Amino acid sequence: MTSAGISTHVLDTTRGGPAAGVAVTVYRREGRELAEVGRGTTGEDGRISSLLSAELTPGWYQLVFDLSTYYGSQQHFFTRVTLDVAVSETRHHHVPLLVSPFSCTSYRGS
């Protein structure tokens, strides 16, 4: 069983494969402030299995995917994708991101 936390998987739909080298930072809202609670970079498989450096608690989290390094000099529209998620259960949450130079989408994974 996977412990409570947040993981991600970034897939490049143009190439049809994982997006390695995407930096991801996670913030948690604490009052009016955002506090960084984790970060990582996708591996060759496009995954980060554990993004949090602290215990997951219910609340509002923001995942920021920095695509600028991944795309480099390749023409692209999105340089950063920010996803705001509401965590109401202390369990594992998987947040995949599908990207191409001109589109992106996400969903609640399992």
Protein backbone atom coordinates (compact mmCIF):
# COMPACT_ATOMS: atom_id res chain seq x y z
CA MET A 1 0.00 0.00 0.00
CA THR A 2 1.30 3.46 -0.89
CA SER A 3 1.46 5.92 2.00
CA ALA A 4 -0.46 9.19 1.96
CA GLY A 5 1.16 11.72 -0.32
CA ILE A 6 1.20 13.27 -3.78
CA SER A 7 2.84 11.81 -6.87
CA THR A 8 2.85 12.81 -10.52
CA HIS A 9 3.55 11.45 -13.99
CA VAL A 10 4.24 13.81 -16.90
CA LEU A 11 3.61 12.44 -20.38
CA ASP A 12 4.53 14.16 -23.63
CA THR A 13 1.62 13.37 -25.94
CA THR A 14 3.47 14.66 -29.02
CA ARG A 15 6.29 12.17 -28.54
CA GLY A 16 4.04 9.50 -27.06
CA GLY A 17 6.27 8.96 -24.04
CA PRO A 18 7.37 10.21 -20.64
CA ALA A 19 8.64 13.75 -20.13
CA ALA A 20 11.94 13.48 -18.24
CA GLY A 21 13.50 16.48 -16.53
CA VAL A 22 10.35 18.44 -15.64
CA ALA A 23 10.79 20.31 -12.34
CA VAL A 24 7.71 20.22 -10.09
CA THR A 25 7.19 22.25 -6.91
CA VAL A 26 4.33 21.72 -4.45
CA TYR A 27 2.94 24.43 -2.20
CA ARG A 28 0.34 24.25 0.57
CA ARG A 29 -1.90 27.19 1.45
CA GLU A 30 -1.37 28.24 5.03
CA GLY A 31 -3.66 31.17 5.75
CA ARG A 32 -3.00 33.71 3.00
CA GLU A 33 0.49 32.37 2.27
CA LEU A 34 1.83 29.54 0.16
CA ALA A 35 4.45 27.37 1.82
CA GLU A 36 6.66 25.08 -0.24
CA VAL A 37 6.16 21.51 0.97
CA GLY A 38 8.00 19.56 -1.68
CA ARG A 39 9.74 19.46 -5.02
CA GLY A 40 11.25 17.04 -7.48
CA THR A 41 12.21 16.44 -11.09
CA THR A 42 10.68 13.76 -13.27
CA GLY A 43 12.93 10.82 -14.03
CA GLU A 44 13.40 8.97 -17.31
CA ASP A 45 9.96 7.41 -16.78
CA GLY A 46 8.37 10.87 -16.34
CA ARG A 47 7.43 10.10 -12.74
CA ILE A 48 7.97 11.51 -9.28
CA SER A 49 6.70 8.96 -6.77
CA SER A 50 6.75 11.26 -3.76
CA LEU A 51 6.57 15.05 -4.01
CA LEU A 52 6.05 15.98 -0.38
CA SER A 53 8.80 16.59 2.16
CA ALA A 54 6.22 16.71 4.97
CA GLU A 55 3.15 14.73 6.01
CA LEU A 56 0.06 15.10 3.82
CA THR A 57 -2.83 16.76 5.58
CA PRO A 58 -6.18 17.85 4.14
CA GLY A 59 -6.05 21.27 2.54
CA TRP A 60 -5.36 23.20 -0.63
CA TYR A 61 -2.21 22.33 -2.60
CA GLN A 62 -0.68 23.87 -5.70
CA LEU A 63 1.51 21.87 -8.08
CA VAL A 64 3.70 23.94 -10.40
CA PHE A 65 5.21 22.19 -13.43
CA ASP A 66 8.10 24.11 -15.04
CA LEU A 67 8.12 23.15 -18.72
CA SER A 68 10.62 25.78 -19.91
CA THR A 69 13.70 23.57 -19.40
CA TYR A 70 11.94 20.51 -20.82
CA TYR A 71 11.07 22.27 -24.07
CA GLY A 72 14.23 24.39 -24.19
CA SER A 73 14.52 26.12 -27.56
CA GLN A 74 11.68 24.06 -29.10
CA GLN A 75 8.71 26.28 -29.93
CA HIS A 76 6.07 25.95 -27.19
CA PHE A 77 3.21 27.95 -25.70
CA PHE A 78 3.11 26.77 -22.07
CA THR A 79 6.19 27.49 -19.98
CA ARG A 80 4.56 26.66 -16.65
CA VAL A 81 1.42 24.74 -15.68
CA THR A 82 -0.11 25.34 -12.25
CA LEU A 83 -2.71 22.97 -10.82
CA ASP A 84 -4.64 23.78 -7.66
CA VAL A 85 -6.00 20.70 -5.90
CA ALA A 86 -8.22 20.29 -2.85
CA VAL A 87 -7.16 17.35 -0.70
CA SER A 88 -9.95 16.23 1.62
CA GLU A 89 -8.68 12.73 2.40
CA THR A 90 -5.37 11.66 3.90
CA ARG A 91 -4.49 9.05 1.28
CA HIS A 92 -2.27 8.90 -1.77
CA HIS A 93 -3.14 11.33 -4.58
CA HIS A 94 -1.71 10.87 -8.08
CA VAL A 95 -1.83 13.94 -10.34
CA PRO A 96 -0.77 13.14 -13.94
CA LEU A 97 -0.07 15.87 -16.49
CA LEU A 98 -0.26 15.32 -20.23
CA VAL A 99 1.56 17.96 -22.25
CA SER A 100 2.39 18.93 -25.79
CA PRO A 101 3.97 22.20 -26.96
CA PHE A 102 0.51 23.76 -27.36
CA SER A 103 -1.81 21.94 -24.95
CA CYS A 104 -2.04 20.34 -21.53
CA THR A 105 -4.53 18.35 -19.48
CA SER A 106 -4.67 16.65 -16.12
CA TYR A 107 -6.94 14.37 -14.14
CA ARG A 108 -7.22 12.73 -10.74
CA GLY A 109 -5.23 9.55 -11.14
CA SER A 110 -5.20 6.39 -9.11
